[in-house]
PDB file of N, CA and C in Angstrom:
ATOM      1  N   MET A   1       4.270  -3.706  77.358  1.00  0.00           N
ATOM      2  CA  MET A   1       3.346  -3.519  76.249  1.00  0.00           C
ATOM      3  C   MET A   1       3.037  -2.030  76.102  1.00  0.00           C
ATOM      4  N   ALA A   2       2.942  -1.543  74.889  1.00  0.00           N
ATOM      5  CA  ALA A   2       2.687  -0.129  74.637  1.00  0.00           C
ATOM      6  C   ALA A   2       1.230   0.206  74.929  1.00  0.00           C
ATOM      7  N   ALA A   3       1.005   1.441  75.307  1.00  0.00           N
ATOM      8  CA  ALA A   3      -0.355   1.894  75.596  1.00  0.00           C
ATOM      9  C   ALA A   3      -1.135   2.062  74.294  1.00  0.00           C
ATOM     10  N   ASN A   4      -2.454   1.832  74.380  1.00  0.00           N
ATOM     11  CA  ASN A   4      -3.305   1.973  73.206  1.00  0.00           C
ATOM     12  C   ASN A   4      -3.618   3.427  72.899  1.00  0.00           C
ATOM     13  N   LYS A   5      -3.708   4.242  73.947  1.00  0.00           N
ATOM     14  CA  LYS A   5      -4.100   5.639  73.783  1.00  0.00           C
ATOM     15  C   LYS A   5      -3.114   6.542  74.517  1.00  0.00           C
ATOM     16  N   LEU A   6      -3.111   7.802  74.117  1.00  0.00           N
ATOM     17  CA  LEU A   6      -2.322   8.823  74.789  1.00  0.00           C
ATOM     18  C   LEU A   6      -3.283   9.910  75.258  1.00  0.00           C
ATOM     19  N   LYS A   7      -3.184  10.268  76.520  1.00  0.00           N
ATOM     20  CA  LYS A   7      -3.985  11.360  77.065  1.00  0.00           C
ATOM     21  C   LYS A   7      -3.132  12.622  76.970  1.00  0.00           C
ATOM     22  N   VAL A   8      -3.566  13.573  76.148  1.00  0.00           N
ATOM     23  CA  VAL A   8      -2.819  14.794  75.905  1.00  0.00           C
ATOM     24  C   VAL A   8      -3.572  15.949  76.561  1.00  0.00           C
ATOM     25  N   THR A   9      -2.892  16.682  77.442  1.00  0.00           N
ATOM     26  CA  THR A   9      -3.478  17.825  78.127  1.00  0.00           C
ATOM     27  C   THR A   9      -2.690  19.072  77.755  1.00  0.00           C
ATOM     28  N   GLN A  10      -3.385  20.103  77.294  1.00  0.00           N
ATOM     29  CA  GLN A  10      -2.709  21.356  76.970  1.00  0.00           C
ATOM     30  C   GLN A  10      -2.487  22.127  78.263  1.00  0.00           C
ATOM     31  N   VAL A  11      -1.229  22.452  78.569  1.00  0.00           N
ATOM     32  CA  VAL A  11      -0.908  23.133  79.821  1.00  0.00           C
ATOM     33  C   VAL A  11      -0.450  24.572  79.594  1.00  0.00           C
ATOM     34  N   ARG A  12      -0.088  24.939  78.372  1.00  0.00           N
ATOM     35  CA  ARG A  12       0.337  26.305  78.058  1.00  0.00           C
ATOM     36  C   ARG A  12      -0.526  26.845  76.925  1.00  0.00           C
ATOM     37  N   SER A  13      -0.677  28.158  76.888  1.00  0.00           N
ATOM     38  CA  SER A  13      -1.509  28.804  75.878  1.00  0.00           C
ATOM     39  C   SER A  13      -0.800  28.833  74.526  1.00  0.00           C
ATOM     40  N   GLU A  14      -1.600  28.954  73.479  1.00  0.00           N
ATOM     41  CA  GLU A  14      -1.049  29.059  72.131  1.00  0.00           C
ATOM     42  C   GLU A  14      -0.793  30.510  71.742  1.00  0.00           C
ATOM     43  N   ILE A  15      -1.103  31.448  72.620  1.00  0.00           N
ATOM     44  CA  ILE A  15      -0.875  32.867  72.336  1.00  0.00           C
ATOM     45  C   ILE A  15       0.619  33.119  72.190  1.00  0.00           C
ATOM     46  N   GLY A  16       1.000  33.799  71.146  1.00  0.00           N
ATOM     47  CA  GLY A  16       2.398  34.118  70.897  1.00  0.00           C
ATOM     48  C   GLY A  16       3.177  32.998  70.225  1.00  0.00           C
ATOM     49  N   ARG A  17       2.510  31.924  69.867  1.00  0.00           N
ATOM     50  CA  ARG A  17       3.182  30.807  69.195  1.00  0.00           C
ATOM     51  C   ARG A  17       3.027  30.957  67.690  1.00  0.00           C
ATOM     52  N   VAL A  18       3.900  30.307  66.953  1.00  0.00           N
ATOM     53  CA  VAL A  18       3.807  30.361  65.496  1.00  0.00           C
ATOM     54  C   VAL A  18       2.581  29.593  65.030  1.00  0.00           C
ATOM     55  N   ASP A  19       2.099  29.955  63.847  1.00  0.00           N
ATOM     56  CA  ASP A  19       0.873  29.372  63.323  1.00  0.00           C
ATOM     57  C   ASP A  19       0.976  27.856  63.177  1.00  0.00           C
ATOM     58  N   ARG A  20       2.138  27.372  62.861  1.00  0.00           N
ATOM     59  CA  ARG A  20       2.321  25.933  62.677  1.00  0.00           C
ATOM     60  C   ARG A  20       2.014  25.161  63.969  1.00  0.00           C
ATOM     61  N   GLN A  21       2.466  25.695  65.117  1.00  0.00           N
ATOM     62  CA  GLN A  21       2.188  25.050  66.405  1.00  0.00           C
ATOM     63  C   GLN A  21       0.710  25.149  66.755  1.00  0.00           C
ATOM     64  N   ARG A  22       0.079  26.271  66.417  1.00  0.00           N
ATOM     65  CA  ARG A  22      -1.364  26.427  66.669  1.00  0.00           C
ATOM     66  C   ARG A  22      -2.158  25.387  65.887  1.00  0.00           C
ATOM     67  N   ARG A  23      -1.753  25.171  64.631  1.00  0.00           N
ATOM     68  CA  ARG A  23      -2.461  24.191  63.801  1.00  0.00           C
ATOM     69  C   ARG A  23      -2.275  22.770  64.323  1.00  0.00           C
ATOM     70  N   VAL A  24      -1.111  22.486  64.872  1.00  0.00           N
ATOM     71  CA  VAL A  24      -0.880  21.153  65.445  1.00  0.00           C
ATOM     72  C   VAL A  24      -1.787  20.945  66.648  1.00  0.00           C
ATOM     73  N   LEU A  25      -1.914  21.963  67.505  1.00  0.00           N
ATOM     74  CA  LEU A  25      -2.799  21.849  68.670  1.00  0.00           C
ATOM     75  C   LEU A  25      -4.242  21.617  68.232  1.00  0.00           C
ATOM     76  N   ARG A  26      -4.692  22.349  67.208  1.00  0.00           N
ATOM     77  CA  ARG A  26      -6.058  22.157  66.696  1.00  0.00           C
ATOM     78  C   ARG A  26      -6.218  20.757  66.089  1.00  0.00           C
ATOM     79  N   GLY A  27      -5.176  20.292  65.414  1.00  0.00           N
ATOM     80  CA  GLY A  27      -5.222  18.961  64.820  1.00  0.00           C
ATOM     81  C   GLY A  27      -5.325  17.863  65.864  1.00  0.00           C
ATOM     82  N   LEU A  28      -4.736  18.110  67.021  1.00  0.00           N
ATOM     83  CA  LEU A  28      -4.857  17.143  68.117  1.00  0.00           C
ATOM     84  C   LEU A  28      -6.223  17.233  68.792  1.00  0.00           C
ATOM     85  N   GLY A  29      -6.962  18.322  68.546  1.00  0.00           N
ATOM     86  CA  GLY A  29      -8.274  18.495  69.162  1.00  0.00           C
ATOM     87  C   GLY A  29      -8.239  19.337  70.424  1.00  0.00           C
ATOM     88  N   LEU A  30      -7.111  19.993  70.685  1.00  0.00           N
ATOM     89  CA  LEU A  30      -6.979  20.838  71.873  1.00  0.00           C
ATOM     90  C   LEU A  30      -7.473  22.238  71.548  1.00  0.00           C
ATOM     91  N   LYS A  31      -8.325  22.787  72.416  1.00  0.00           N
ATOM     92  CA  LYS A  31      -8.945  24.077  72.137  1.00  0.00           C
ATOM     93  C   LYS A  31      -8.501  25.174  73.087  1.00  0.00           C
ATOM     94  N   GLY A  32      -7.685  24.870  74.068  1.00  0.00           N
ATOM     95  CA  GLY A  32      -7.216  25.880  74.993  1.00  0.00           C
ATOM     96  C   GLY A  32      -6.568  25.220  76.188  1.00  0.00           C
ATOM     97  N   PRO A  33      -5.980  26.025  77.074  1.00  0.00           N
ATOM     98  CA  PRO A  33      -5.340  25.455  78.255  1.00  0.00           C
ATOM     99  C   PRO A  33      -6.314  24.623  79.089  1.00  0.00           C
ATOM    100  N   GLN A  34      -5.805  23.555  79.642  1.00  0.00           N
ATOM    101  CA  GLN A  34      -6.542  22.617  80.493  1.00  0.00           C
ATOM    102  C   GLN A  34      -7.546  21.761  79.732  1.00  0.00           C
ATOM    103  N   THR A  35      -7.491  21.705  78.405  1.00  0.00           N
ATOM    104  CA  THR A  35      -8.333  20.769  77.672  1.00  0.00           C
ATOM    105  C   THR A  35      -7.567  19.464  77.507  1.00  0.00           C
ATOM    106  N   GLU A  36      -8.301  18.370  77.491  1.00  0.00           N
ATOM    107  CA  GLU A  36      -7.703  17.042  77.393  1.00  0.00           C
ATOM    108  C   GLU A  36      -8.339  16.281  76.246  1.00  0.00           C
ATOM    109  N   VAL A  37      -7.535  15.477  75.563  1.00  0.00           N
ATOM    110  CA  VAL A  37      -8.038  14.593  74.520  1.00  0.00           C
ATOM    111  C   VAL A  37      -7.341  13.250  74.621  1.00  0.00           C
ATOM    112  N   LEU A  38      -8.008  12.223  74.158  1.00  0.00           N
ATOM    113  CA  LEU A  38      -7.408  10.896  74.040  1.00  0.00           C
ATOM    114  C   LEU A  38      -7.181  10.635  72.562  1.00  0.00           C
ATOM    115  N   VAL A  39      -5.945  10.327  72.197  1.00  0.00           N
ATOM    116  CA  VAL A  39      -5.611  10.051  70.806  1.00  0.00           C
ATOM    117  C   VAL A  39      -4.938   8.683  70.725  1.00  0.00           C
ATOM    118  N   ASP A  40      -4.958   8.118  69.539  1.00  0.00           N
ATOM    119  CA  ASP A  40      -4.315   6.824  69.328  1.00  0.00           C
ATOM    120  C   ASP A  40      -2.799   6.959  69.467  1.00  0.00           C
ATOM    121  N   ASN A  41      -2.173   5.891  69.895  1.00  0.00           N
ATOM    122  CA  ASN A  41      -0.722   5.872  70.035  1.00  0.00           C
ATOM    123  C   ASN A  41      -0.123   5.418  68.705  1.00  0.00           C
ATOM    124  N   THR A  42      -0.072   6.339  67.753  1.00  0.00           N
ATOM    125  CA  THR A  42       0.465   6.042  66.431  1.00  0.00           C
ATOM    126  C   THR A  42       1.640   6.977  66.150  1.00  0.00           C
ATOM    127  N   PRO A  43       2.491   6.631  65.209  1.00  0.00           N
ATOM    128  CA  PRO A  43       3.621   7.505  64.898  1.00  0.00           C
ATOM    129  C   PRO A  43       3.194   8.909  64.455  1.00  0.00           C
ATOM    130  N   SER A  44       2.076   9.031  63.760  1.00  0.00           N
ATOM    131  CA  SER A  44       1.646  10.354  63.300  1.00  0.00           C
ATOM    132  C   SER A  44       1.247  11.245  64.477  1.00  0.00           C
ATOM    133  N   PHE A  45       0.495  10.694  65.437  1.00  0.00           N
ATOM    134  CA  PHE A  45       0.118  11.480  66.610  1.00  0.00           C
ATOM    135  C   PHE A  45       1.344  11.775  67.476  1.00  0.00           C
ATOM    136  N   ARG A  46       2.251  10.815  67.583  1.00  0.00           N
ATOM    137  CA  ARG A  46       3.463  11.053  68.377  1.00  0.00           C
ATOM    138  C   ARG A  46       4.313  12.165  67.760  1.00  0.00           C
ATOM    139  N   GLY A  47       4.355  12.237  66.428  1.00  0.00           N
ATOM    140  CA  GLY A  47       5.090  13.302  65.761  1.00  0.00           C
ATOM    141  C   GLY A  47       4.457  14.666  66.005  1.00  0.00           C
ATOM    142  N   MET A  48       3.119  14.711  66.003  1.00  0.00           N
ATOM    143  CA  MET A  48       2.428  15.968  66.293  1.00  0.00           C
ATOM    144  C   MET A  48       2.715  16.410  67.729  1.00  0.00           C
ATOM    145  N   ILE A  49       2.665  15.455  68.656  1.00  0.00           N
ATOM    146  CA  ILE A  49       2.908  15.776  70.062  1.00  0.00           C
ATOM    147  C   ILE A  49       4.334  16.264  70.256  1.00  0.00           C
ATOM    148  N   LYS A  50       5.269  15.680  69.524  1.00  0.00           N
ATOM    149  CA  LYS A  50       6.673  16.081  69.651  1.00  0.00           C
ATOM    150  C   LYS A  50       6.874  17.535  69.254  1.00  0.00           C
ATOM    151  N   LYS A  51       6.103  18.031  68.284  1.00  0.00           N
ATOM    152  CA  LYS A  51       6.231  19.411  67.828  1.00  0.00           C
ATOM    153  C   LYS A  51       5.742  20.420  68.864  1.00  0.00           C
ATOM    154  N   VAL A  52       4.817  20.005  69.724  1.00  0.00           N
ATOM    155  CA  VAL A  52       4.268  20.934  70.724  1.00  0.00           C
ATOM    156  C   VAL A  52       4.461  20.393  72.141  1.00  0.00           C
ATOM    157  N   LEU A  53       5.516  19.637  72.350  1.00  0.00           N
ATOM    158  CA  LEU A  53       5.757  19.019  73.653  1.00  0.00           C
ATOM    159  C   LEU A  53       5.926  20.049  74.763  1.00  0.00           C
ATOM    160  N   HIS A  54       6.394  21.252  74.422  1.00  0.00           N
ATOM    161  CA  HIS A  54       6.567  22.296  75.421  1.00  0.00           C
ATOM    162  C   HIS A  54       5.241  22.948  75.823  1.00  0.00           C
ATOM    163  N   LEU A  55       4.133  22.618  75.125  1.00  0.00           N
ATOM    164  CA  LEU A  55       2.818  23.184  75.418  1.00  0.00           C
ATOM    165  C   LEU A  55       1.856  22.174  76.023  1.00  0.00           C
ATOM    166  N   VAL A  56       2.216  20.885  75.986  1.00  0.00           N
ATOM    167  CA  VAL A  56       1.286  19.837  76.424  1.00  0.00           C
ATOM    168  C   VAL A  56       1.933  18.915  77.440  1.00  0.00           C
ATOM    169  N   GLN A  57       1.075  18.136  78.087  1.00  0.00           N
ATOM    170  CA  GLN A  57       1.516  17.080  78.999  1.00  0.00           C
ATOM    171  C   GLN A  57       0.906  15.775  78.473  1.00  0.00           C
ATOM    172  N   VAL A  58       1.684  14.717  78.433  1.00  0.00           N
ATOM    173  CA  VAL A  58       1.241  13.467  77.816  1.00  0.00           C
ATOM    174  C   VAL A  58       1.299  12.338  78.837  1.00  0.00           C
ATOM    175  N   GLU A  59       0.226  11.530  78.863  1.00  0.00           N
ATOM    176  CA  GLU A  59       0.186  10.338  79.711  1.00  0.00           C
ATOM    177  C   GLU A  59      -0.254   9.162  78.856  1.00  0.00           C
ATOM    178  N   GLU A  60       0.316   7.988  79.117  1.00  0.00           N
ATOM    179  CA  GLU A  60      -0.113   6.793  78.405  1.00  0.00           C
ATOM    180  C   GLU A  60      -1.295   6.188  79.140  1.00  0.00           C
ATOM    181  N   VAL A  61      -2.316   5.795  78.382  1.00  0.00           N
ATOM    182  CA  VAL A  61      -3.536   5.226  78.959  1.00  0.00           C
ATOM    183  C   VAL A  61      -3.782   3.894  78.278  1.00  0.00           C
ATOM    184  N   SER A  62      -4.006   2.853  79.056  1.00  0.00           N
ATOM    185  CA  SER A  62      -4.321   1.553  78.460  1.00  0.00           C
ATOM    186  C   SER A  62      -5.832   1.392  78.403  1.00  0.00           C
ATOM    187  N   GLY A  63      -6.290   0.571  77.501  1.00  0.00           N
ATOM    188  CA  GLY A  63      -7.721   0.358  77.332  1.00  0.00           C
ATOM    189  C   GLY A  63      -8.229   1.140  76.140  1.00  0.00           C
ATOM    190  N   THR A  64      -9.483   0.906  75.814  1.00  0.00           N
ATOM    191  CA  THR A  64     -10.073   1.601  74.680  1.00  0.00           C
ATOM    192  C   THR A  64     -11.124   2.550  75.201  1.00  0.00           C
ATOM    193  N   ALA A  65     -10.834   3.796  75.121  1.00  0.00           N
ATOM    194  CA  ALA A  65     -11.781   4.838  75.519  1.00  0.00           C
ATOM    195  C   ALA A  65     -11.978   5.755  74.331  1.00  0.00           C
ATOM    196  N   LYS A  66     -13.175   6.304  74.212  1.00  0.00           N
ATOM    197  CA  LYS A  66     -13.424   7.183  73.077  1.00  0.00           C
ATOM    198  C   LYS A  66     -12.825   8.555  73.328  1.00  0.00           C
ATOM    199  N   LYS A  67     -12.662   9.313  72.250  1.00  0.00           N
ATOM    200  CA  LYS A  67     -12.037  10.626  72.318  1.00  0.00           C
ATOM    201  C   LYS A  67     -12.951  11.578  73.090  1.00  0.00           C
ATOM    202  N   THR A  68     -12.404  12.240  74.099  1.00  0.00           N
ATOM    203  CA  THR A  68     -13.187  13.185  74.881  1.00  0.00           C
ATOM    204  C   THR A  68     -12.449  14.499  74.987  1.00  0.00           C
ATOM    205  N   THR A  69     -13.207  15.551  75.122  1.00  0.00           N
ATOM    206  CA  THR A  69     -12.634  16.867  75.321  1.00  0.00           C
ATOM    207  C   THR A  69     -13.333  17.496  76.515  1.00  0.00           C
ATOM    208  N   THR A  70     -12.556  17.975  77.476  1.00  0.00           N
ATOM    209  CA  THR A  70     -13.144  18.632  78.634  1.00  0.00           C
ATOM    210  C   THR A  70     -12.535  20.008  78.776  1.00  0.00           C
ATOM    211  N   LYS A  71     -13.315  20.942  79.229  1.00  0.00           N
ATOM    212  CA  LYS A  71     -12.850  22.313  79.433  1.00  0.00           C
ATOM    213  C   LYS A  71     -12.939  22.614  80.920  1.00  0.00           C
ATOM    214  N   ARG A  72     -11.995  23.357  81.422  1.00  0.00           N
ATOM    215  CA  ARG A  72     -11.915  23.631  82.849  1.00  0.00           C
ATOM    216  C   ARG A  72     -13.125  24.417  83.341  1.00  0.00           C
ATOM    217  N   HIS A  73     -13.560  25.427  82.595  1.00  0.00           N
ATOM    218  CA  HIS A  73     -14.634  26.296  83.058  1.00  0.00           C
ATOM    219  C   HIS A  73     -15.923  26.071  82.273  1.00  0.00           C
ATOM    220  N   SER A  74     -16.272  24.866  81.986  1.00  0.00           N
ATOM    221  CA  SER A  74     -17.477  24.637  81.206  1.00  0.00           C
ATOM    222  C   SER A  74     -18.703  24.763  82.112  1.00  0.00           C
ATOM    223  N   ALA A  75     -19.720  25.438  81.630  1.00  0.00           N
ATOM    224  CA  ALA A  75     -20.948  25.642  82.388  1.00  0.00           C
ATOM    225  C   ALA A  75     -21.902  24.491  82.108  1.00  0.00           C
ATOM    226  N   PRO A  76     -22.706  24.101  83.091  1.00  0.00           N
ATOM    227  CA  PRO A  76     -23.672  23.036  82.843  1.00  0.00           C
ATOM    228  C   PRO A  76     -24.764  23.530  81.904  1.00  0.00           C
ATOM    229  N   PRO A  77     -25.413  22.623  81.176  1.00  0.00           N
ATOM    230  CA  PRO A  77     -26.457  23.057  80.255  1.00  0.00           C
ATOM    231  C   PRO A  77     -27.642  23.620  81.040  1.00  0.00           C
ATOM    232  N   PRO A  78     -28.397  24.549  80.450  1.00  0.00           N
ATOM    233  CA  PRO A  78     -29.539  25.126  81.158  1.00  0.00           C
ATOM    234  C   PRO A  78     -30.631  24.086  81.357  1.00  0.00           C
ATOM    235  N   PRO A  79     -31.429  24.224  82.409  1.00  0.00           N
ATOM    236  CA  PRO A  79     -32.500  23.255  82.639  1.00  0.00           C
ATOM    237  C   PRO A  79     -33.563  23.399  81.562  1.00  0.00           C
ATOM    238  N   PRO A  80     -34.297  22.330  81.270  1.00  0.00           N
ATOM    239  CA  PRO A  80     -35.325  22.412  80.235  1.00  0.00           C
ATOM    240  C   PRO A  80     -36.457  23.344  80.679  1.00  0.00           C
ATOM    241  N   ALA A  81     -37.047  24.048  79.705  1.00  0.00           N
ATOM    242  CA  ALA A  81     -38.135  24.976  79.993  1.00  0.00           C
ATOM    243  C   ALA A  81     -39.420  24.195  80.249  1.00  0.00           C
ATOM    244  N   PRO A  82     -40.287  24.699  81.146  1.00  0.00           N
ATOM    245  CA  PRO A  82     -41.566  24.022  81.369  1.00  0.00           C
ATOM    246  C   PRO A  82     -42.423  24.071  80.113  1.00  0.00           C
ATOM    247  N   GLU A  83     -43.365  23.171  80.022  1.00  0.00           N
ATOM    248  CA  GLU A  83     -44.207  23.086  78.828  1.00  0.00           C
ATOM    249  C   GLU A  83     -45.061  24.331  78.694  1.00  0.00           C
ATOM    250  N   GLY A  84     -45.176  24.826  77.473  1.00  0.00           N
ATOM    251  CA  GLY A  84     -46.011  25.988  77.203  1.00  0.00           C
ATOM    252  C   GLY A  84     -45.343  27.314  77.508  1.00  0.00           C
ATOM    253  N   ALA A  85     -44.149  27.313  78.046  1.00  0.00           N
ATOM    254  CA  ALA A  85     -43.459  28.559  78.372  1.00  0.00           C
ATOM    255  C   ALA A  85     -42.598  28.992  77.192  1.00  0.00           C
ATOM    256  N   THR A  86     -42.506  30.294  76.993  1.00  0.00           N
ATOM    257  CA  THR A  86     -41.643  30.815  75.947  1.00  0.00           C
ATOM    258  C   THR A  86     -40.360  31.297  76.593  1.00  0.00           C
ATOM    259  N   PRO A  87     -39.251  31.193  75.906  1.00  0.00           N
ATOM    260  CA  PRO A  87     -37.992  31.650  76.486  1.00  0.00           C
ATOM    261  C   PRO A  87     -38.021  33.152  76.753  1.00  0.00           C
ATOM    262  N   ALA A  88     -37.396  33.585  77.828  1.00  0.00           N
ATOM    263  CA  ALA A  88     -37.400  34.993  78.220  1.00  0.00           C
ATOM    264  C   ALA A  88     -36.649  35.849  77.213  1.00  0.00           C
ATOM    265  N   LYS A  89     -35.559  35.344  76.657  1.00  0.00           N
ATOM    266  CA  LYS A  89     -34.784  36.127  75.708  1.00  0.00           C
ATOM    267  C   LYS A  89     -35.586  36.407  74.443  1.00  0.00           C
ATOM    268  N   ALA A  90     -36.320  35.430  73.960  1.00  0.00           N
ATOM    269  CA  ALA A  90     -37.075  35.615  72.732  1.00  0.00           C
ATOM    270  C   ALA A  90     -38.177  36.644  72.935  1.00  0.00           C
ATOM    271  N   SER A  91     -38.873  36.608  74.061  1.00  0.00           N
ATOM    272  CA  SER A  91     -39.958  37.546  74.276  1.00  0.00           C
ATOM    273  C   SER A  91     -39.416  38.956  74.489  1.00  0.00           C
ATOM    274  N   ALA A  92     -38.260  39.094  75.145  1.00  0.00           N
ATOM    275  CA  ALA A  92     -37.668  40.416  75.357  1.00  0.00           C
ATOM    276  C   ALA A  92     -37.233  41.026  74.032  1.00  0.00           C
ATOM    277  N   SER A  93     -36.650  40.226  73.147  1.00  0.00           N
ATOM    278  CA  SER A  93     -36.213  40.765  71.867  1.00  0.00           C
ATOM    279  C   SER A  93     -37.411  41.110  70.984  1.00  0.00           C
ATOM    280  N   ALA A  94     -38.501  40.354  71.103  1.00  0.00           N
ATOM    281  CA  ALA A  94     -39.699  40.658  70.331  1.00  0.00           C
ATOM    282  C   ALA A  94     -40.290  41.985  70.787  1.00  0.00           C
ATOM    283  N   LYS A  95     -40.278  42.256  72.089  1.00  0.00           N
ATOM    284  CA  LYS A  95     -40.787  43.522  72.611  1.00  0.00           C
ATOM    285  C   LYS A  95     -39.909  44.672  72.147  1.00  0.00           C
ATOM    286  N   ALA A  96     -38.601  44.471  72.135  1.00  0.00           N
ATOM    287  CA  ALA A  96     -37.682  45.541  71.765  1.00  0.00           C
ATOM    288  C   ALA A  96     -37.852  45.937  70.303  1.00  0.00           C
ATOM    289  N   THR A  97     -38.053  44.965  69.418  1.00  0.00           N
ATOM    290  CA  THR A  97     -38.216  45.296  68.002  1.00  0.00           C
ATOM    291  C   THR A  97     -39.580  45.907  67.748  1.00  0.00           C
ATOM    292  N   ALA A  98     -40.597  45.532  68.506  1.00  0.00           N
ATOM    293  CA  ALA A  98     -41.925  46.097  68.321  1.00  0.00           C
ATOM    294  C   ALA A  98     -41.971  47.537  68.808  1.00  0.00           C
ATOM    295  N   ALA A  99     -41.181  47.923  69.785  1.00  0.00           N
ATOM    296  CA  ALA A  99     -41.208  49.260  70.357  1.00  0.00           C
ATOM    297  C   ALA A  99     -40.472  50.273  69.498  1.00  0.00           C
ATOM    298  N   LYS A 100     -39.560  49.855  68.645  1.00  0.00           N
ATOM    299  CA  LYS A 100     -38.780  50.787  67.845  1.00  0.00           C
ATOM    300  C   LYS A 100     -39.596  51.268  66.648  1.00  0.00           C
ATOM    301  N   PRO A 101     -39.613  52.605  66.408  1.00  0.00           N
ATOM    302  CA  PRO A 101     -40.313  53.092  65.210  1.00  0.00           C
ATOM    303  C   PRO A 101     -39.473  52.824  63.965  1.00  0.00           C
ATOM    304  N   ALA A 102     -40.145  52.818  62.830  1.00  0.00           N
ATOM    305  CA  ALA A 102     -39.441  52.578  61.576  1.00  0.00           C
ATOM    306  C   ALA A 102     -38.577  53.789  61.250  1.00  0.00           C
ATOM    307  N   ARG A 103     -37.380  53.557  60.717  1.00  0.00           N
ATOM    308  CA  ARG A 103     -36.464  54.641  60.376  1.00  0.00           C
ATOM    309  C   ARG A 103     -36.819  55.227  59.019  1.00  0.00           C
ATOM    310  N   LYS A 104     -36.710  56.548  58.932  1.00  0.00           N
ATOM    311  CA  LYS A 104     -36.919  57.210  57.659  1.00  0.00           C
ATOM    312  C   LYS A 104     -35.608  57.188  56.890  1.00  0.00           C
ATOM    313  N   PRO A 105     -35.669  57.099  55.577  1.00  0.00           N
ATOM    314  CA  PRO A 105     -34.415  57.164  54.829  1.00  0.00           C
ATOM    315  C   PRO A 105     -33.806  58.557  54.956  1.00  0.00           C
ATOM    316  N   ALA A 106     -32.514  58.628  54.976  1.00  0.00           N
ATOM    317  CA  ALA A 106     -31.813  59.900  55.129  1.00  0.00           C
ATOM    318  C   ALA A 106     -32.037  60.769  53.899  1.00  0.00           C
ATOM    319  N   ALA A 107     -32.263  62.059  54.143  1.00  0.00           N
ATOM    320  CA  ALA A 107     -32.476  62.998  53.036  1.00  0.00           C
ATOM    321  C   ALA A 107     -31.141  63.274  52.348  1.00  0.00           C
ATOM    322  N   LYS A 108     -31.183  63.385  51.038  1.00  0.00           N
ATOM    323  CA  LYS A 108     -29.958  63.654  50.291  1.00  0.00           C
ATOM    324  C   LYS A 108     -29.610  65.127  50.400  1.00  0.00           C
ATOM    325  N   LYS A 109     -28.329  65.410  50.532  1.00  0.00           N
ATOM    326  CA  LYS A 109     -27.865  66.783  50.611  1.00  0.00           C
ATOM    327  C   LYS A 109     -27.852  67.378  49.213  1.00  0.00           C
ATOM    328  N   PRO A 110     -28.210  68.659  49.108  1.00  0.00           N
ATOM    329  CA  PRO A 110     -28.169  69.283  47.772  1.00  0.00           C
ATOM    330  C   PRO A 110     -26.717  69.454  47.320  1.00  0.00           C
ATOM    331  N   ALA A 111     -26.535  69.411  46.020  1.00  0.00           N
ATOM    332  CA  ALA A 111     -25.195  69.550  45.460  1.00  0.00           C
ATOM    333  C   ALA A 111     -24.710  70.974  45.694  1.00  0.00           C
ATOM    334  N   THR A 112     -23.478  71.122  46.114  1.00  0.00           N
ATOM    335  CA  THR A 112     -22.916  72.456  46.372  1.00  0.00           C
ATOM    336  C   THR A 112     -22.038  72.867  45.207  1.00  0.00           C
ATOM    337  N   LYS A 113     -21.946  74.173  45.014  1.00  0.00           N
ATOM    338  CA  LYS A 113     -21.100  74.690  43.944  1.00  0.00           C
ATOM    339  C   LYS A 113     -19.665  74.688  44.407  1.00  0.00           C
ATOM    340  N   ARG A 114     -18.788  74.570  43.464  1.00  0.00           N
ATOM    341  CA  ARG A 114     -17.377  74.545  43.744  1.00  0.00           C
ATOM    342  C   ARG A 114     -16.899  75.959  44.077  1.00  0.00           C
ATOM    343  N   LYS A 115     -16.154  76.104  45.167  1.00  0.00           N
ATOM    344  CA  LYS A 115     -15.711  77.417  45.603  1.00  0.00           C
ATOM    345  C   LYS A 115     -14.446  77.872  44.894  1.00  0.00           C
ATOM    346  N   THR A 116     -13.612  76.981  44.490  1.00  0.00           N
ATOM    347  CA  THR A 116     -12.381  77.360  43.801  1.00  0.00           C
ATOM    348  C   THR A 116     -12.577  77.166  42.305  1.00  0.00           C
ATOM    349  N   PRO A 117     -12.159  78.117  41.515  1.00  0.00           N
ATOM    350  CA  PRO A 117     -12.337  77.960  40.068  1.00  0.00           C
ATOM    351  C   PRO A 117     -11.377  76.926  39.503  1.00  0.00           C
ATOM    352  N   LYS A 118     -11.788  76.321  38.416  1.00  0.00           N
ATOM    353  CA  LYS A 118     -10.934  75.335  37.753  1.00  0.00           C
ATOM    354  C   LYS A 118      -9.754  76.031  37.133  1.00  0.00           C
ATOM    355  N   LYS A 119      -8.607  75.390  37.151  1.00  0.00           N
ATOM    356  CA  LYS A 119      -7.415  75.942  36.524  1.00  0.00           C
ATOM    357  C   LYS A 119      -7.407  75.564  35.050  1.00  0.00           C
ATOM    358  N   ASP A 120      -7.059  76.527  34.254  1.00  0.00           N
ATOM    359  CA  ASP A 120      -6.986  76.295  32.838  1.00  0.00           C
ATOM    360  C   ASP A 120      -5.595  75.750  32.501  1.00  0.00           C
ATOM    361  N   PRO A 121      -5.500  74.586  31.854  1.00  0.00           N
ATOM    362  CA  PRO A 121      -4.177  74.023  31.564  1.00  0.00           C
ATOM    363  C   PRO A 121      -3.347  74.885  30.618  1.00  0.00           C
ATOM    364  N   LYS A 122      -3.979  75.772  29.830  1.00  0.00           N
ATOM    365  CA  LYS A 122      -3.245  76.616  28.888  1.00  0.00           C
ATOM    366  C   LYS A 122      -2.530  77.751  29.604  1.00  0.00           C
ATOM    367  N   ASP A 123      -3.043  78.155  30.787  1.00  0.00           N
ATOM    368  CA  ASP A 123      -2.441  79.267  31.512  1.00  0.00           C
ATOM    369  C   ASP A 123      -1.090  78.895  32.101  1.00  0.00           C
ATOM    370  N   GLY A 124      -0.889  77.627  32.390  1.00  0.00           N
ATOM    371  CA  GLY A 124       0.411  77.175  32.799  1.00  0.00           C
ATOM    372  C   GLY A 124       0.707  77.235  34.199  1.00  0.00           C
TER     373      GLY A 124
END
């Protein structure tokens, strides 16, 4: 029996590849090396995979799982801030903008006279 889903893992970078292959990788939902997605086992997805087979690794997966994307170096989300606390970044940026004086508009330079005389077209 055929698998319901295909697990596609990008193993090579898209750098230096033609735009058409880059668009196929984006269409599959791959965002960079070591990202994985689950796609349906349909002729359209199989055709896309065939175009970038040298950049991906494919495994057949049975069962119904939803589409997931994982990144190798993903950072965990920051912990929630305690109640009543303001974020440190917001307060630092507020202090920085309050400390800067207002800029004066630049003074216009006076017009200078032309040093070379105009050539008369009649003189030739």
